[in-house]
Amino acid sequence: MNKDEEEARAGDKTPVRRLTRFERARVIGLRALQLTLGAPPLIDLGDAPWDPLEVATRELENRLLPLSLRRTFPDGSYVDVPLSELV
C-alpha cells in the first residue's frame, strides 16, 4: 500500500463525535491536576471556595478547554479531534 492509499483510508475514518467515559475521566483528571498545580480556571468562580474536579467538570461541560484528543485506530492511523467538538 502506498502513501496515497494510506491517506485515503485515513480520511475515510470519521470519529464518533462524543466523549467516551474513559476519555471524559482522563480529561477531567488532567484538568483538575493542572488546576491543583496553579493553572488559572477558565470560568468565573467568584469568591466561593472551589473543588478542582468540580471546576474541571464545569469547564468541560461549557466547552472551554482548548485541548484535542488523538484517537488511534487499530491500523496505526490516528485522528486529532478538538475537545470542543466532542462534548
PDB file of N, CA and C in Angstrom:
ATOM      1  N   MET A   1       0.848  -1.174   0.000  1.00  0.00           N
ATOM      2  CA  MET A   1       0.000   0.000   0.000  1.00  0.00           C
ATOM      3  C   MET A   1       0.898   1.242   0.000  1.00  0.00           C
ATOM      4  N   ASN A   2       0.652   2.156  -0.917  1.00  0.00           N
ATOM      5  CA  ASN A   2       1.482   3.350  -0.982  1.00  0.00           C
ATOM      6  C   ASN A   2       0.918   4.446  -0.064  1.00  0.00           C
ATOM      7  N   LYS A   3       1.626   5.534  -0.004  1.00  0.00           N
ATOM      8  CA  LYS A   3       1.268   6.616   0.917  1.00  0.00           C
ATOM      9  C   LYS A   3      -0.085   7.242   0.573  1.00  0.00           C
ATOM     10  N   ASP A   4      -0.396   7.400  -0.713  1.00  0.00           N
ATOM     11  CA  ASP A   4      -1.676   7.983  -1.117  1.00  0.00           C
ATOM     12  C   ASP A   4      -2.849   7.114  -0.680  1.00  0.00           C
ATOM     13  N   GLU A   5      -2.698   5.799  -0.811  1.00  0.00           N
ATOM     14  CA  GLU A   5      -3.758   4.896  -0.381  1.00  0.00           C
ATOM     15  C   GLU A   5      -3.955   4.962   1.130  1.00  0.00           C
ATOM     16  N   GLU A   6      -2.852   5.072   1.872  1.00  0.00           N
ATOM     17  CA  GLU A   6      -2.954   5.175   3.327  1.00  0.00           C
ATOM     18  C   GLU A   6      -3.676   6.459   3.726  1.00  0.00           C
ATOM     19  N   GLU A   7      -3.352   7.570   3.070  1.00  0.00           N
ATOM     20  CA  GLU A   7      -4.011   8.829   3.384  1.00  0.00           C
ATOM     21  C   GLU A   7      -5.497   8.775   3.039  1.00  0.00           C
ATOM     22  N   ALA A   8      -5.843   8.113   1.951  1.00  0.00           N
ATOM     23  CA  ALA A   8      -7.253   7.980   1.568  1.00  0.00           C
ATOM     24  C   ALA A   8      -8.003   7.139   2.591  1.00  0.00           C
ATOM     25  N   ARG A   9      -7.381   6.069   3.050  1.00  0.00           N
ATOM     26  CA  ARG A   9      -8.026   5.228   4.066  1.00  0.00           C
ATOM     27  C   ARG A   9      -8.192   5.987   5.369  1.00  0.00           C
ATOM     28  N   ALA A  10      -7.178   6.754   5.761  1.00  0.00           N
ATOM     29  CA  ALA A  10      -7.260   7.517   6.998  1.00  0.00           C
ATOM     30  C   ALA A  10      -8.321   8.604   6.895  1.00  0.00           C
ATOM     31  N   GLY A  11      -8.526   9.161   5.702  1.00  0.00           N
ATOM     32  CA  GLY A  11      -9.522  10.204   5.511  1.00  0.00           C
ATOM     33  C   GLY A  11     -10.944   9.688   5.595  1.00  0.00           C
ATOM     34  N   ASP A  12     -11.153   8.399   5.357  1.00  0.00           N
ATOM     35  CA  ASP A  12     -12.492   7.822   5.401  1.00  0.00           C
ATOM     36  C   ASP A  12     -12.983   7.572   6.817  1.00  0.00           C
ATOM     37  N   LYS A  13     -12.110   7.614   7.783  1.00  0.00           N
ATOM     38  CA  LYS A  13     -12.479   7.298   9.159  1.00  0.00           C
ATOM     39  C   LYS A  13     -13.046   8.536   9.839  1.00  0.00           C
ATOM     40  N   THR A  14     -14.313   8.491  10.132  1.00  0.00           N
ATOM     41  CA  THR A  14     -14.973   9.593  10.820  1.00  0.00           C
ATOM     42  C   THR A  14     -15.113   9.213  12.284  1.00  0.00           C
ATOM     43  N   PRO A  15     -14.490   9.973  13.178  1.00  0.00           N
ATOM     44  CA  PRO A  15     -14.573   9.621  14.599  1.00  0.00           C
ATOM     45  C   PRO A  15     -15.970   9.890  15.158  1.00  0.00           C
ATOM     46  N   VAL A  16     -16.318   9.153  16.168  1.00  0.00           N
ATOM     47  CA  VAL A  16     -17.574   9.372  16.876  1.00  0.00           C
ATOM     48  C   VAL A  16     -17.471  10.725  17.560  1.00  0.00           C
ATOM     49  N   ARG A  17     -18.487  11.545  17.418  1.00  0.00           N
ATOM     50  CA  ARG A  17     -18.426  12.914  17.915  1.00  0.00           C
ATOM     51  C   ARG A  17     -18.930  13.082  19.340  1.00  0.00           C
ATOM     52  N   ARG A  18     -18.546  12.153  20.219  1.00  0.00           N
ATOM     53  CA  ARG A  18     -18.819  12.330  21.635  1.00  0.00           C
ATOM     54  C   ARG A  18     -17.737  11.636  22.438  1.00  0.00           C
ATOM     55  N   LEU A  19     -17.561  12.091  23.658  1.00  0.00           N
ATOM     56  CA  LEU A  19     -16.530  11.533  24.515  1.00  0.00           C
ATOM     57  C   LEU A  19     -16.958  10.187  25.074  1.00  0.00           C
ATOM     58  N   THR A  20     -16.027   9.255  25.134  1.00  0.00           N
ATOM     59  CA  THR A  20     -16.301   8.019  25.856  1.00  0.00           C
ATOM     60  C   THR A  20     -16.139   8.314  27.342  1.00  0.00           C
ATOM     61  N   ARG A  21     -16.617   7.430  28.184  1.00  0.00           N
ATOM     62  CA  ARG A  21     -16.494   7.666  29.624  1.00  0.00           C
ATOM     63  C   ARG A  21     -15.030   7.673  30.056  1.00  0.00           C
ATOM     64  N   PHE A  22     -14.190   6.938  29.343  1.00  0.00           N
ATOM     65  CA  PHE A  22     -12.779   6.885  29.676  1.00  0.00           C
ATOM     66  C   PHE A  22     -12.074   8.194  29.286  1.00  0.00           C
ATOM     67  N   GLU A  23     -12.416   8.716  28.123  1.00  0.00           N
ATOM     68  CA  GLU A  23     -11.844   9.997  27.683  1.00  0.00           C
ATOM     69  C   GLU A  23     -12.298  11.117  28.613  1.00  0.00           C
ATOM     70  N   ARG A  24     -13.571  11.094  28.980  1.00  0.00           N
ATOM     71  CA  ARG A  24     -14.113  12.117  29.877  1.00  0.00           C
ATOM     72  C   ARG A  24     -13.369  12.104  31.221  1.00  0.00           C
ATOM     73  N   ALA A  25     -13.178  10.929  31.782  1.00  0.00           N
ATOM     74  CA  ALA A  25     -12.466  10.804  33.060  1.00  0.00           C
ATOM     75  C   ALA A  25     -11.024  11.293  32.930  1.00  0.00           C
ATOM     76  N   ARG A  26     -10.391  10.964  31.838  1.00  0.00           N
ATOM     77  CA  ARG A  26      -8.997  11.383  31.647  1.00  0.00           C
ATOM     78  C   ARG A  26      -8.880  12.899  31.506  1.00  0.00           C
ATOM     79  N   VAL A  27      -9.781  13.507  30.731  1.00  0.00           N
ATOM     80  CA  VAL A  27      -9.731  14.953  30.519  1.00  0.00           C
ATOM     81  C   VAL A  27     -10.014  15.691  31.830  1.00  0.00           C
ATOM     82  N   ILE A  28     -11.019  15.251  32.578  1.00  0.00           N
ATOM     83  CA  ILE A  28     -11.345  15.909  33.844  1.00  0.00           C
ATOM     84  C   ILE A  28     -10.195  15.754  34.828  1.00  0.00           C
ATOM     85  N   GLY A  29      -9.611  14.560  34.895  1.00  0.00           N
ATOM     86  CA  GLY A  29      -8.475  14.346  35.783  1.00  0.00           C
ATOM     87  C   GLY A  29      -7.267  15.184  35.410  1.00  0.00           C
ATOM     88  N   LEU A  30      -6.989  15.284  34.115  1.00  0.00           N
ATOM     89  CA  LEU A  30      -5.873  16.093  33.636  1.00  0.00           C
ATOM     90  C   LEU A  30      -6.071  17.564  33.979  1.00  0.00           C
ATOM     91  N   ARG A  31      -7.261  18.070  33.728  1.00  0.00           N
ATOM     92  CA  ARG A  31      -7.534  19.485  34.009  1.00  0.00           C
ATOM     93  C   ARG A  31      -7.537  19.758  35.503  1.00  0.00           C
ATOM     94  N   ALA A  32      -8.071  18.833  36.304  1.00  0.00           N
ATOM     95  CA  ALA A  32      -8.063  19.008  37.760  1.00  0.00           C
ATOM     96  C   ALA A  32      -6.629  19.066  38.288  1.00  0.00           C
ATOM     97  N   LEU A  33      -5.753  18.254  37.728  1.00  0.00           N
ATOM     98  CA  LEU A  33      -4.340  18.293  38.118  1.00  0.00           C
ATOM     99  C   LEU A  33      -3.725  19.639  37.764  1.00  0.00           C
ATOM    100  N   GLN A  34      -4.013  20.143  36.564  1.00  0.00           N
ATOM    101  CA  GLN A  34      -3.499  21.450  36.167  1.00  0.00           C
ATOM    102  C   GLN A  34      -3.980  22.535  37.127  1.00  0.00           C
ATOM    103  N   LEU A  35      -5.250  22.489  37.514  1.00  0.00           N
ATOM    104  CA  LEU A  35      -5.791  23.483  38.438  1.00  0.00           C
ATOM    105  C   LEU A  35      -5.131  23.377  39.808  1.00  0.00           C
ATOM    106  N   THR A  36      -4.888  22.162  40.256  1.00  0.00           N
ATOM    107  CA  THR A  36      -4.229  21.944  41.546  1.00  0.00           C
ATOM    108  C   THR A  36      -2.810  22.499  41.542  1.00  0.00           C
ATOM    109  N   LEU A  37      -2.151  22.425  40.389  1.00  0.00           N
ATOM    110  CA  LEU A  37      -0.773  22.909  40.285  1.00  0.00           C
ATOM    111  C   LEU A  37      -0.683  24.403  39.989  1.00  0.00           C
ATOM    112  N   GLY A  38      -1.834  25.094  39.967  1.00  0.00           N
ATOM    113  CA  GLY A  38      -1.803  26.543  39.850  1.00  0.00           C
ATOM    114  C   GLY A  38      -2.292  27.139  38.550  1.00  0.00           C
ATOM    115  N   ALA A  39      -2.801  26.344  37.643  1.00  0.00           N
ATOM    116  CA  ALA A  39      -3.327  26.891  36.390  1.00  0.00           C
ATOM    117  C   ALA A  39      -4.578  27.722  36.683  1.00  0.00           C
ATOM    118  N   PRO A  40      -4.752  28.831  35.981  1.00  0.00           N
ATOM    119  CA  PRO A  40      -5.940  29.655  36.241  1.00  0.00           C
ATOM    120  C   PRO A  40      -7.198  28.985  35.690  1.00  0.00           C
ATOM    121  N   PRO A  41      -8.300  29.055  36.438  1.00  0.00           N
ATOM    122  CA  PRO A  41      -9.554  28.490  35.930  1.00  0.00           C
ATOM    123  C   PRO A  41     -10.089  29.312  34.764  1.00  0.00           C
ATOM    124  N   LEU A  42     -10.798  28.652  33.853  1.00  0.00           N
ATOM    125  CA  LEU A  42     -11.329  29.307  32.668  1.00  0.00           C
ATOM    126  C   LEU A  42     -12.776  29.767  32.854  1.00  0.00           C
ATOM    127  N   ILE A  43     -13.314  29.555  34.055  1.00  0.00           N
ATOM    128  CA  ILE A  43     -14.667  30.010  34.358  1.00  0.00           C
ATOM    129  C   ILE A  43     -14.613  30.939  35.560  1.00  0.00           C
ATOM    130  N   ASP A  44     -15.628  31.765  35.712  1.00  0.00           N
ATOM    131  CA  ASP A  44     -15.696  32.682  36.840  1.00  0.00           C
ATOM    132  C   ASP A  44     -16.144  31.922  38.076  1.00  0.00           C
ATOM    133  N   LEU A  45     -15.338  31.978  39.134  1.00  0.00           N
ATOM    134  CA  LEU A  45     -15.637  31.233  40.351  1.00  0.00           C
ATOM    135  C   LEU A  45     -16.189  32.111  41.464  1.00  0.00           C
ATOM    136  N   GLY A  46     -16.040  33.398  41.335  1.00  0.00           N
ATOM    137  CA  GLY A  46     -16.453  34.283  42.413  1.00  0.00           C
ATOM    138  C   GLY A  46     -15.500  34.133  43.593  1.00  0.00           C
ATOM    139  N   ASP A  47     -16.011  34.371  44.784  1.00  0.00           N
ATOM    140  CA  ASP A  47     -15.187  34.281  45.993  1.00  0.00           C
ATOM    141  C   ASP A  47     -15.383  32.974  46.740  1.00  0.00           C
ATOM    142  N   ALA A  48     -16.244  32.115  46.263  1.00  0.00           N
ATOM    143  CA  ALA A  48     -16.541  30.867  46.950  1.00  0.00           C
ATOM    144  C   ALA A  48     -15.372  29.900  46.848  1.00  0.00           C
ATOM    145  N   PRO A  49     -15.174  29.048  47.859  1.00  0.00           N
ATOM    146  CA  PRO A  49     -14.138  28.013  47.744  1.00  0.00           C
ATOM    147  C   PRO A  49     -14.529  27.031  46.640  1.00  0.00           C
ATOM    148  N   TRP A  50     -13.515  26.448  45.985  1.00  0.00           N
ATOM    149  CA  TRP A  50     -13.808  25.600  44.845  1.00  0.00           C
ATOM    150  C   TRP A  50     -13.024  24.307  44.896  1.00  0.00           C
ATOM    151  N   ASP A  51     -13.599  23.294  44.283  1.00  0.00           N
ATOM    152  CA  ASP A  51     -13.008  21.973  44.175  1.00  0.00           C
ATOM    153  C   ASP A  51     -12.484  21.804  42.748  1.00  0.00           C
ATOM    154  N   PRO A  52     -11.224  21.409  42.565  1.00  0.00           N
ATOM    155  CA  PRO A  52     -10.673  21.286  41.213  1.00  0.00           C
ATOM    156  C   PRO A  52     -11.466  20.345  40.301  1.00  0.00           C
ATOM    157  N   LEU A  53     -11.998  19.253  40.829  1.00  0.00           N
ATOM    158  CA  LEU A  53     -12.777  18.334  39.994  1.00  0.00           C
ATOM    159  C   LEU A  53     -14.075  18.980  39.525  1.00  0.00           C
ATOM    160  N   GLU A  54     -14.704  19.735  40.401  1.00  0.00           N
ATOM    161  CA  GLU A  54     -15.944  20.409  40.020  1.00  0.00           C
ATOM    162  C   GLU A  54     -15.685  21.484  38.963  1.00  0.00           C
ATOM    163  N   VAL A  55     -14.614  22.233  39.143  1.00  0.00           N
ATOM    164  CA  VAL A  55     -14.270  23.274  38.173  1.00  0.00           C
ATOM    165  C   VAL A  55     -13.931  22.648  36.826  1.00  0.00           C
ATOM    166  N   ALA A  56     -13.144  21.569  36.832  1.00  0.00           N
ATOM    167  CA  ALA A  56     -12.777  20.889  35.587  1.00  0.00           C
ATOM    168  C   ALA A  56     -14.013  20.349  34.868  1.00  0.00           C
ATOM    169  N   THR A  57     -14.958  19.811  35.619  1.00  0.00           N
ATOM    170  CA  THR A  57     -16.191  19.297  35.022  1.00  0.00           C
ATOM    171  C   THR A  57     -17.000  20.428  34.398  1.00  0.00           C
ATOM    172  N   ARG A  58     -17.113  21.549  35.092  1.00  0.00           N
ATOM    173  CA  ARG A  58     -17.864  22.684  34.548  1.00  0.00           C
ATOM    174  C   ARG A  58     -17.184  23.247  33.304  1.00  0.00           C
ATOM    175  N   GLU A  59     -15.851  23.314  33.308  1.00  0.00           N
ATOM    176  CA  GLU A  59     -15.130  23.800  32.128  1.00  0.00           C
ATOM    177  C   GLU A  59     -15.362  22.875  30.940  1.00  0.00           C
ATOM    178  N   LEU A  60     -15.368  21.563  31.170  1.00  0.00           N
ATOM    179  CA  LEU A  60     -15.613  20.607  30.099  1.00  0.00           C
ATOM    180  C   LEU A  60     -17.033  20.745  29.560  1.00  0.00           C
ATOM    181  N   GLU A  61     -18.010  20.858  30.443  1.00  0.00           N
ATOM    182  CA  GLU A  61     -19.406  20.983  30.017  1.00  0.00           C
ATOM    183  C   GLU A  61     -19.657  22.273  29.242  1.00  0.00           C
ATOM    184  N   ASN A  62     -18.915  23.334  29.571  1.00  0.00           N
ATOM    185  CA  ASN A  62     -19.064  24.621  28.879  1.00  0.00           C
ATOM    186  C   ASN A  62     -18.176  24.725  27.641  1.00  0.00           C
ATOM    187  N   ARG A  63     -17.466  23.647  27.304  1.00  0.00           N
ATOM    188  CA  ARG A  63     -16.598  23.594  26.123  1.00  0.00           C
ATOM    189  C   ARG A  63     -15.535  24.684  26.110  1.00  0.00           C
ATOM    190  N   LEU A  64     -14.899  24.887  27.251  1.00  0.00           N
ATOM    191  CA  LEU A  64     -13.902  25.938  27.370  1.00  0.00           C
ATOM    192  C   LEU A  64     -12.461  25.423  27.293  1.00  0.00           C
ATOM    193  N   LEU A  65     -12.272  24.131  27.291  1.00  0.00           N
ATOM    194  CA  LEU A  65     -10.921  23.585  27.329  1.00  0.00           C
ATOM    195  C   LEU A  65     -10.306  23.538  25.925  1.00  0.00           C
ATOM    196  N   PRO A  66      -9.161  24.179  25.746  1.00  0.00           N
ATOM    197  CA  PRO A  66      -8.513  24.199  24.420  1.00  0.00           C
ATOM    198  C   PRO A  66      -7.625  22.971  24.221  1.00  0.00           C
ATOM    199  N   LEU A  67      -8.225  21.800  24.214  1.00  0.00           N
ATOM    200  CA  LEU A  67      -7.483  20.550  24.074  1.00  0.00           C
ATOM    201  C   LEU A  67      -7.973  19.778  22.853  1.00  0.00           C
ATOM    202  N   SER A  68      -7.142  18.864  22.384  1.00  0.00           N
ATOM    203  CA  SER A  68      -7.524  17.945  21.321  1.00  0.00           C
ATOM    204  C   SER A  68      -7.232  16.527  21.779  1.00  0.00           C
ATOM    205  N   LEU A  69      -8.085  15.600  21.374  1.00  0.00           N
ATOM    206  CA  LEU A  69      -7.869  14.190  21.663  1.00  0.00           C
ATOM    207  C   LEU A  69      -7.335  13.507  20.421  1.00  0.00           C
ATOM    208  N   ARG A  70      -6.407  12.612  20.611  1.00  0.00           N
ATOM    209  CA  ARG A  70      -5.896  11.814  19.499  1.00  0.00           C
ATOM    210  C   ARG A  70      -6.509  10.427  19.613  1.00  0.00           C
ATOM    211  N   ARG A  71      -7.321  10.088  18.636  1.00  0.00           N
ATOM    212  CA  ARG A  71      -7.947   8.770  18.600  1.00  0.00           C
ATOM    213  C   ARG A  71      -7.169   7.903  17.622  1.00  0.00           C
ATOM    214  N   THR A  72      -6.647   6.797  18.130  1.00  0.00           N
ATOM    215  CA  THR A  72      -5.824   5.898  17.342  1.00  0.00           C
ATOM    216  C   THR A  72      -6.662   4.715  16.871  1.00  0.00           C
ATOM    217  N   PHE A  73      -6.500   4.337  15.626  1.00  0.00           N
ATOM    218  CA  PHE A  73      -7.211   3.213  15.038  1.00  0.00           C
ATOM    219  C   PHE A  73      -6.320   1.977  15.063  1.00  0.00           C
ATOM    220  N   PRO A  74      -6.908   0.794  14.955  1.00  0.00           N
ATOM    221  CA  PRO A  74      -6.123  -0.449  15.023  1.00  0.00           C
ATOM    222  C   PRO A  74      -5.015  -0.557  13.972  1.00  0.00           C
ATOM    223  N   ASP A  75      -5.168   0.110  12.834  1.00  0.00           N
ATOM    224  CA  ASP A  75      -4.128   0.023  11.804  1.00  0.00           C
ATOM    225  C   ASP A  75      -2.974   0.994  12.045  1.00  0.00           C
ATOM    226  N   GLY A  76      -3.028   1.737  13.154  1.00  0.00           N
ATOM    227  CA  GLY A  76      -1.948   2.664  13.487  1.00  0.00           C
ATOM    228  C   GLY A  76      -2.202   4.090  13.072  1.00  0.00           C
ATOM    229  N   SER A  77      -3.218   4.332  12.271  1.00  0.00           N
ATOM    230  CA  SER A  77      -3.529   5.708  11.884  1.00  0.00           C
ATOM    231  C   SER A  77      -4.260   6.390  13.047  1.00  0.00           C
ATOM    232  N   TYR A  78      -4.336   7.702  12.985  1.00  0.00           N
ATOM    233  CA  TYR A  78      -4.989   8.434  14.060  1.00  0.00           C
ATOM    234  C   TYR A  78      -5.681   9.672  13.514  1.00  0.00           C
ATOM    235  N   VAL A  79      -6.580  10.205  14.340  1.00  0.00           N
ATOM    236  CA  VAL A  79      -7.299  11.429  14.022  1.00  0.00           C
ATOM    237  C   VAL A  79      -7.255  12.308  15.260  1.00  0.00           C
ATOM    238  N   ASP A  80      -6.856  13.564  15.096  1.00  0.00           N
ATOM    239  CA  ASP A  80      -6.889  14.523  16.189  1.00  0.00           C
ATOM    240  C   ASP A  80      -8.222  15.263  16.129  1.00  0.00           C
ATOM    241  N   VAL A  81      -8.969  15.225  17.234  1.00  0.00           N
ATOM    242  CA  VAL A  81     -10.289  15.831  17.284  1.00  0.00           C
ATOM    243  C   VAL A  81     -10.301  16.886  18.395  1.00  0.00           C
ATOM    244  N   PRO A  82     -10.668  18.124  18.081  1.00  0.00           N
ATOM    245  CA  PRO A  82     -10.762  19.145  19.141  1.00  0.00           C
ATOM    246  C   PRO A  82     -11.813  18.757  20.168  1.00  0.00           C
ATOM    247  N   LEU A  83     -11.505  18.994  21.417  1.00  0.00           N
ATOM    248  CA  LEU A  83     -12.403  18.621  22.501  1.00  0.00           C
ATOM    249  C   LEU A  83     -13.733  19.347  22.417  1.00  0.00           C
ATOM    250  N   SER A  84     -13.728  20.561  21.893  1.00  0.00           N
ATOM    251  CA  SER A  84     -14.963  21.326  21.793  1.00  0.00           C
ATOM    252  C   SER A  84     -15.987  20.671  20.866  1.00  0.00           C
ATOM    253  N   GLU A  85     -15.539  19.808  19.958  1.00  0.00           N
ATOM    254  CA  GLU A  85     -16.448  19.110  19.059  1.00  0.00           C
ATOM    255  C   GLU A  85     -17.003  17.823  19.654  1.00  0.00           C
ATOM    256  N   LEU A  86     -16.454  17.373  20.782  1.00  0.00           N
ATOM    257  CA  LEU A  86     -16.814  16.066  21.325  1.00  0.00           C
ATOM    258  C   LEU A  86     -17.781  16.110  22.494  1.00  0.00           C
ATOM    259  N   VAL A  87     -17.966  17.228  23.107  1.00  0.00           N
ATOM    260  CA  VAL A  87     -18.782  17.271  24.325  1.00  0.00           C
ATOM    261  C   VAL A  87     -20.241  17.266  23.967  1.00  0.00           C
TER     262      VAL A  87
END
